[in-house]
Amino acid sequence: MRILVRPRLPVLALLLLAPAIPELLTGSTPITPLFADPIQFAVSFLFDIGLYGTGALLIREFAVHYRKGWASILLLGAAYGIAEEGFAVHTFFETSGAPVGALGGYGHAFGVDWLWALGLTVFHATYSIALPILLTQLVFPEAQRVRWLDRGALVVLVAVYLAVVSTFAFTIGHGPSPAALAFFLAVVALLLVLARELPGDLLSPRPGPRTIGRWGLALAGTLEWDAWLAVLVLASHPPVPAIVPAAIIAAANLSAVAVVLRRVGTDDLERSKFCFAVGMLVPLFVWDGFVEFSEPGILLVTGVFAYFLYWLARRLGRGEALPPATGAPPPSPPLPGVDG
């Protein structure tokens, strides 16, 4: 079986960005062991790549192959979030301890941490999948509409992803009950069907210029993280029903979508994407500075990402981006072995 990957740099970038944002930048995977025990860190981060990186690549290839847009990417990202937190590491079903904390009991019913499950599903759909794909598009605009992997490479990726999920599932305890497993499998199946059937231009911006400033767009990008902070605050006040923070999560993310649909246009679209991405990342920088500062390596990671945004801003300022496009992307030329 032939395995073809091209171009290689975008593939490598997405493989690294997908785990780096939700793991290294949040401190979930500390980077300090890189200097004290590099082998341990390498093994840990390779598992992150095998989970996040392969998942993001598979979703990206699905969207390009079937000419789908951000709606399908977000739905598949939600399915990915359920697979990771529900089927692999089982945090949906933890009642205490790291990483769920107070959310292990707040919003818990029928053996499931529903508020945690909602928040982490949305987080993975946006920060673990959509944001790395968006940033990779901005860095490699010339490659965003073509397939990167042939059939052999896709088979390898699927095998790696399933192997990593299975490894976590069989080594981590407190897994789902049969009823919970059946429920989340049904939800994942529904998300996959919707991602396949929804029109590719469902969340496409309207034609014309944007009607919101760069700072306003960046502020819209912060809404999801702002909502999650509100959830963490409310979790320390159990008298507030869990449905309240759940509604905050839903309202914040729907508001961000509404801003994009109503105020962002196809003109200067790449810079609009960049501003929204900055809004998503800057709250993580602040979080690292005030909450994760005790982890020495976290400030290094923050600095690397801050420089990356600075470099990307300068590049976009020089006009090194694709011209604006409307609707779903055009079909890409097939790689050998993809279409037979």
Protein backbone atom coordinates (compact mmCIF):
# COMPACT_ATOMS: atom_id res chain seq x y z
CA MET A 1 0.00 0.00 0.00
CA ARG A 2 1.47 3.31 -1.05
CA ILE A 3 1.38 6.18 1.46
CA LEU A 4 1.52 9.69 0.02
CA VAL A 5 1.58 12.89 2.07
CA ARG A 6 1.85 16.25 0.38
CA PRO A 7 2.58 18.98 1.13
CA ARG A 8 4.43 17.86 4.26
CA LEU A 9 4.86 21.16 6.12
CA PRO A 10 1.11 21.87 6.51
CA VAL A 11 0.58 18.29 7.72
CA LEU A 12 3.36 18.67 10.29
CA ALA A 13 2.01 22.06 11.40
CA LEU A 14 -1.48 20.72 12.02
CA LEU A 15 -0.13 17.61 13.77
CA LEU A 16 1.73 19.88 16.20
CA LEU A 17 -0.78 22.71 16.60
CA ALA A 18 -3.73 20.45 17.38
CA PRO A 19 -2.21 19.08 20.61
CA ALA A 20 -0.10 22.14 21.46
CA ILE A 21 -3.07 24.49 21.97
CA PRO A 22 -5.29 22.36 24.26
CA GLU A 23 -2.43 20.56 26.04
CA LEU A 24 0.77 22.65 26.17
CA LEU A 25 -0.83 26.09 26.19
CA THR A 26 -3.33 25.19 28.93
CA GLY A 27 -0.75 23.35 31.03
CA SER A 28 -2.62 20.04 30.78
CA THR A 29 0.61 18.53 29.45
CA PRO A 30 3.41 20.34 31.33
CA ILE A 31 6.40 21.21 29.17
CA THR A 32 8.90 21.34 32.07
CA PRO A 33 9.64 17.57 31.77
CA LEU A 34 11.06 18.37 28.33
CA PHE A 35 14.15 19.70 30.13
CA ALA A 36 14.20 17.31 33.12
CA ASP A 37 13.14 14.09 31.41
CA PRO A 38 12.91 14.60 27.63
CA ILE A 39 12.10 10.95 26.94
CA GLN A 40 9.07 11.04 29.22
CA PHE A 41 7.88 14.26 27.61
CA ALA A 42 8.43 12.88 24.11
CA VAL A 43 6.36 9.77 24.83
CA SER A 44 3.57 11.84 26.41
CA PHE A 45 3.48 14.34 23.54
CA LEU A 46 3.57 11.57 20.93
CA PHE A 47 0.38 10.21 22.46
CA ASP A 48 -1.08 13.74 22.27
CA ILE A 49 -0.15 13.90 18.58
CA GLY A 50 -1.64 10.45 18.02
CA LEU A 51 -4.91 11.64 19.54
CA TYR A 52 -5.29 15.35 18.70
CA GLY A 53 -3.11 15.59 15.61
CA THR A 54 -4.55 12.60 13.78
CA GLY A 55 -8.09 13.64 14.74
CA ALA A 56 -7.62 17.16 13.37
CA LEU A 57 -6.00 15.86 10.17
CA LEU A 58 -8.80 13.36 9.53
CA ILE A 59 -11.47 16.02 10.08
CA ARG A 60 -9.63 18.46 7.83
CA GLU A 61 -9.35 15.86 5.06
CA PHE A 62 -13.04 14.99 5.42
CA ALA A 63 -14.01 18.65 5.00
CA VAL A 64 -11.87 19.11 1.89
CA HIS A 65 -12.85 15.80 0.29
CA TYR A 66 -16.60 16.38 0.73
CA ARG A 67 -16.40 20.16 0.18
CA LYS A 68 -17.69 20.95 3.65
CA GLY A 69 -17.23 24.09 5.69
CA TRP A 70 -16.93 25.17 9.31
CA ALA A 71 -20.29 23.75 10.34
CA SER A 72 -19.15 20.24 9.51
CA ILE A 73 -15.72 20.82 11.06
CA LEU A 74 -17.32 21.93 14.33
CA LEU A 75 -19.72 18.98 14.36
CA LEU A 76 -16.88 16.54 13.73
CA GLY A 77 -14.85 18.37 16.36
CA ALA A 78 -17.68 17.79 18.85
CA ALA A 79 -17.66 14.09 17.93
CA TYR A 80 -13.91 14.12 18.49
CA GLY A 81 -14.39 15.70 21.92
CA ILE A 82 -16.83 12.99 22.94
CA ALA A 83 -14.47 10.30 21.68
CA GLU A 84 -11.53 11.72 23.62
CA GLU A 85 -13.16 12.63 26.92
CA GLY A 86 -15.87 9.97 26.89
CA PHE A 87 -14.43 6.92 25.15
CA ALA A 88 -10.66 7.40 25.68
CA VAL A 89 -9.83 9.17 28.97
CA HIS A 90 -13.30 8.83 30.57
CA THR A 91 -13.41 12.27 32.21
CA PHE A 92 -17.14 12.48 31.46
CA PHE A 93 -17.63 9.92 34.24
CA GLU A 94 -15.19 11.08 36.93
CA THR A 95 -16.89 12.32 40.10
CA SER A 96 -13.91 14.02 41.73
CA GLY A 97 -10.24 14.85 41.41
CA ALA A 98 -8.26 16.09 38.42
CA PRO A 99 -9.20 17.30 35.93
CA VAL A 100 -12.95 17.65 36.64
CA GLY A 101 -12.66 19.18 40.11
CA ALA A 102 -15.96 20.60 41.35
CA LEU A 103 -17.58 19.81 38.01
CA GLY A 104 -17.43 16.12 38.90
CA GLY A 105 -20.40 16.65 41.18
CA TYR A 106 -21.92 19.84 39.80
CA GLY A 107 -24.24 18.83 36.99
CA HIS A 108 -23.69 15.10 37.60
CA ALA A 109 -26.58 12.73 36.92
CA PHE A 110 -26.98 9.12 35.79
CA GLY A 111 -23.24 8.54 36.06
CA VAL A 112 -22.30 11.42 33.72
CA ASP A 113 -20.80 14.84 34.46
CA TRP A 114 -23.11 16.62 32.01
CA LEU A 115 -21.82 20.16 32.51
CA TRP A 116 -18.22 19.02 32.14
CA ALA A 117 -19.21 16.95 29.10
CA LEU A 118 -20.88 19.95 27.45
CA GLY A 119 -17.99 22.31 28.16
CA LEU A 120 -15.27 19.89 27.05
CA THR A 121 -17.14 18.87 23.91
CA VAL A 122 -17.41 22.51 22.85
CA PHE A 123 -13.80 23.19 23.88
CA HIS A 124 -12.43 20.35 21.77
CA ALA A 125 -14.60 21.27 18.78
CA THR A 126 -13.23 24.81 18.83
CA TYR A 127 -9.79 24.85 20.45
CA SER A 128 -8.57 21.33 19.61
CA ILE A 129 -9.94 21.04 16.06
CA ALA A 130 -11.30 24.24 14.45
CA LEU A 131 -8.65 26.67 15.73
CA PRO A 132 -5.61 24.57 14.68
CA ILE A 133 -7.18 24.04 11.24
CA LEU A 134 -7.85 27.78 10.91
CA LEU A 135 -4.30 28.73 11.92
CA THR A 136 -2.83 26.17 9.55
CA GLN A 137 -4.94 27.65 6.74
CA LEU A 138 -3.58 31.10 7.53
CA VAL A 139 0.03 29.91 7.54
CA PHE A 140 -0.33 27.82 4.36
CA PRO A 141 -3.10 29.53 2.36
CA GLU A 142 -1.98 27.99 -0.91
CA ALA A 143 -2.63 24.48 0.43
CA GLN A 144 -5.92 24.95 2.24
CA ARG A 145 -8.18 23.69 -0.56
CA VAL A 146 -6.29 20.59 -1.63
CA ARG A 147 -6.13 17.16 -0.07
CA TRP A 148 -2.92 16.35 1.73
CA LEU A 149 -3.24 12.59 2.18
CA ASP A 150 -3.89 9.66 -0.14
CA ARG A 151 -5.90 6.59 0.83
CA GLY A 152 -2.91 4.79 2.31
CA ALA A 153 -2.05 7.73 4.57
CA LEU A 154 -5.68 7.99 5.68
CA VAL A 155 -5.74 4.30 6.61
CA VAL A 156 -2.57 4.76 8.68
CA LEU A 157 -4.01 7.81 10.43
CA VAL A 158 -7.26 6.02 11.27
CA ALA A 159 -5.29 3.06 12.64
CA VAL A 160 -3.10 5.31 14.80
CA TYR A 161 -6.10 7.25 16.11
CA LEU A 162 -8.06 4.12 17.01
CA ALA A 163 -5.00 2.54 18.61
CA VAL A 164 -4.43 5.57 20.85
CA VAL A 165 -8.10 5.82 21.83
CA SER A 166 -8.17 2.08 22.60
CA THR A 167 -4.96 2.29 24.64
CA PHE A 168 -6.40 5.01 26.84
CA ALA A 169 -9.78 3.30 27.09
CA PHE A 170 -8.33 0.02 28.33
CA THR A 171 -5.79 1.54 30.73
CA ILE A 172 -7.97 4.19 32.39
CA GLY A 173 -10.69 3.09 34.77
CA HIS A 174 -14.11 4.56 35.68
CA GLY A 175 -15.45 4.04 32.17
CA PRO A 176 -19.03 4.60 31.03
CA SER A 177 -21.93 2.38 31.95
CA PRO A 178 -23.47 0.43 29.04
CA ALA A 179 -26.35 2.93 28.91
CA ALA A 180 -24.00 5.95 28.86
CA LEU A 181 -21.80 4.32 26.25
CA ALA A 182 -24.82 3.62 24.02
CA PHE A 183 -26.06 7.20 24.44
CA PHE A 184 -22.75 8.84 23.50
CA LEU A 185 -22.21 6.44 20.60
CA ALA A 186 -25.62 7.51 19.29
CA VAL A 187 -24.69 11.19 19.69
CA VAL A 188 -21.42 10.67 17.81
CA ALA A 189 -23.27 8.82 15.03
CA LEU A 190 -25.76 11.70 14.74
CA LEU A 191 -22.95 14.27 14.58
CA LEU A 192 -21.21 12.30 11.82
CA VAL A 193 -24.41 12.10 9.77
CA LEU A 194 -25.10 15.82 10.19
CA ALA A 195 -21.52 16.68 9.23
CA ARG A 196 -21.89 14.65 6.05
CA GLU A 197 -25.32 15.99 5.09
CA LEU A 198 -25.18 19.68 6.00
CA PRO A 199 -24.43 22.08 3.13
CA GLY A 200 -20.83 23.19 2.88
CA ASP A 201 -21.66 26.89 3.01
CA LEU A 202 -23.84 26.74 6.13
CA LEU A 203 -21.59 28.99 8.24
CA SER A 204 -20.00 30.90 5.38
CA PRO A 205 -19.66 34.67 5.85
CA ARG A 206 -21.87 36.99 3.86
CA PRO A 207 -20.49 38.71 0.74
CA GLY A 208 -18.91 42.11 1.20
CA PRO A 209 -16.82 43.87 3.85
CA ARG A 210 -16.98 43.10 7.54
CA THR A 211 -19.05 45.51 9.65
CA ILE A 212 -17.17 44.99 12.89
CA GLY A 213 -13.78 46.25 13.93
CA ARG A 214 -10.78 44.06 14.61
CA TRP A 215 -11.07 44.50 18.38
CA GLY A 216 -14.76 43.66 18.30
CA LEU A 217 -14.05 40.50 16.36
CA ALA A 218 -11.28 39.55 18.77
CA LEU A 219 -13.68 40.13 21.66
CA ALA A 220 -16.15 37.73 20.04
CA GLY A 221 -13.35 35.17 19.94
CA THR A 222 -12.98 35.38 23.72
CA LEU A 223 -16.62 34.52 24.43
CA GLU A 224 -16.17 30.77 24.79
CA TRP A 225 -13.33 31.08 27.28
CA ASP A 226 -15.23 33.82 29.15
CA ALA A 227 -18.19 31.44 29.44
CA TRP A 228 -15.96 28.66 30.77
CA LEU A 229 -14.56 30.98 33.45
CA ALA A 230 -18.14 31.80 34.46
CA VAL A 231 -18.83 28.07 34.74
CA LEU A 232 -15.82 27.59 37.02
CA VAL A 233 -17.01 30.44 39.25
CA LEU A 234 -20.57 29.14 39.42
CA ALA A 235 -19.33 25.63 40.15
CA SER A 236 -18.12 26.95 43.51
CA HIS A 237 -21.69 28.07 44.32
CA PRO A 238 -23.75 24.86 44.12
CA PRO A 239 -27.08 26.62 44.92
CA VAL A 240 -26.98 27.91 41.32
CA PRO A 241 -28.62 25.16 39.19
CA ALA A 242 -26.24 23.56 36.70
CA ILE A 243 -28.61 24.51 33.89
CA VAL A 244 -27.53 28.15 34.36
CA PRO A 245 -23.85 27.69 33.41
CA ALA A 246 -24.93 25.28 30.66
CA ALA A 247 -27.09 28.06 29.22
CA ILE A 248 -24.16 30.48 29.50
CA ILE A 249 -21.96 28.14 27.46
CA ALA A 250 -24.64 27.80 24.79
CA ALA A 251 -25.40 31.54 24.69
CA ALA A 252 -21.74 32.56 24.48
CA ASN A 253 -20.96 30.23 21.59
CA LEU A 254 -24.15 31.07 19.70
CA SER A 255 -23.33 34.78 20.14
CA ALA A 256 -19.88 34.22 18.64
CA VAL A 257 -21.43 32.39 15.67
CA ALA A 258 -23.97 35.20 15.22
CA VAL A 259 -21.19 37.81 15.12
CA VAL A 260 -19.33 35.86 12.45
CA LEU A 261 -22.42 35.31 10.32
CA ARG A 262 -23.82 38.84 10.58
CA ARG A 263 -20.74 41.03 10.86
CA VAL A 264 -17.93 39.24 8.98
CA GLY A 265 -17.80 39.50 5.19
CA THR A 266 -15.83 37.78 2.48
CA ASP A 267 -13.69 40.90 1.96
CA ASP A 268 -10.41 40.68 3.88
CA LEU A 269 -11.58 37.33 5.25
CA GLU A 270 -8.12 36.07 6.21
CA ARG A 271 -7.54 39.00 8.56
CA SER A 272 -10.99 38.49 10.05
CA LYS A 273 -10.09 34.87 10.79
CA PHE A 274 -6.84 36.01 12.34
CA CYS A 275 -8.56 38.53 14.64
CA PHE A 276 -11.02 35.90 15.82
CA ALA A 277 -8.16 33.46 16.44
CA VAL A 278 -6.30 36.09 18.46
CA GLY A 279 -9.42 36.53 20.58
CA MET A 280 -9.47 32.81 21.27
CA LEU A 281 -5.80 32.58 22.21
CA VAL A 282 -5.15 35.73 24.25
CA PRO A 283 -7.35 34.60 27.20
CA LEU A 284 -5.18 31.49 27.39
CA PHE A 285 -2.11 33.72 27.62
CA VAL A 286 -3.73 35.60 30.52
CA TRP A 287 -4.73 32.31 32.14
CA ASP A 288 -1.15 31.08 31.94
CA GLY A 289 0.16 34.28 33.50
CA PHE A 290 -2.21 34.31 36.47
CA VAL A 291 -3.19 30.66 37.05
CA GLU A 292 -0.53 28.41 35.53
CA PHE A 293 2.50 30.58 36.35
CA SER A 294 3.76 28.01 38.88
CA GLU A 295 4.52 25.72 35.92
CA PRO A 296 7.84 27.21 34.68
CA GLY A 297 7.55 25.98 31.12
CA ILE A 298 4.11 27.47 30.57
CA LEU A 299 5.49 30.98 30.11
CA LEU A 300 7.85 29.67 27.44
CA VAL A 301 4.93 28.11 25.58
CA THR A 302 2.96 31.35 25.93
CA GLY A 303 5.90 33.31 24.54
CA VAL A 304 6.21 30.98 21.54
CA PHE A 305 2.53 31.33 20.71
CA ALA A 306 2.62 35.11 21.21
CA TYR A 307 5.53 35.36 18.78
CA PHE A 308 3.70 33.08 16.35
CA LEU A 309 0.73 35.46 16.34
CA TYR A 310 3.07 38.44 15.88
CA TRP A 311 4.77 36.73 12.93
CA LEU A 312 1.44 35.79 11.38
CA ALA A 313 0.10 39.34 11.80
CA ARG A 314 3.12 40.74 9.97
CA ARG A 315 2.74 38.17 7.22
CA LEU A 316 -0.93 39.00 6.72
CA GLY A 317 -0.05 42.68 6.81
CA ARG A 318 2.19 42.09 3.81
CA GLY A 319 -0.76 40.58 1.98
CA GLU A 320 0.54 37.00 1.97
CA ALA A 321 -2.91 35.42 2.01
CA LEU A 322 -5.46 33.96 -0.34
CA PRO A 323 -7.95 36.29 -1.99
CA PRO A 324 -11.40 36.16 -0.37
CA ALA A 325 -13.60 33.24 -1.34
CA THR A 326 -17.30 32.59 -0.97
CA GLY A 327 -19.26 29.43 -0.31
CA ALA A 328 -17.77 25.97 -0.09
CA PRO A 329 -14.27 25.36 -1.42
CA PRO A 330 -13.97 24.06 -4.97
CA PRO A 331 -13.10 20.41 -5.45
CA SER A 332 -9.42 19.70 -5.08
CA PRO A 333 -7.34 17.65 -7.50
CA PRO A 334 -7.30 14.04 -6.36
CA LEU A 335 -4.22 12.48 -4.88
CA PRO A 336 -3.23 9.12 -6.30
CA GLY A 337 -5.07 6.41 -4.43
CA VAL A 338 -7.83 8.65 -3.03
CA ASP A 339 -10.43 8.38 -5.74
CA GLY A 340 -9.35 5.03 -7.04
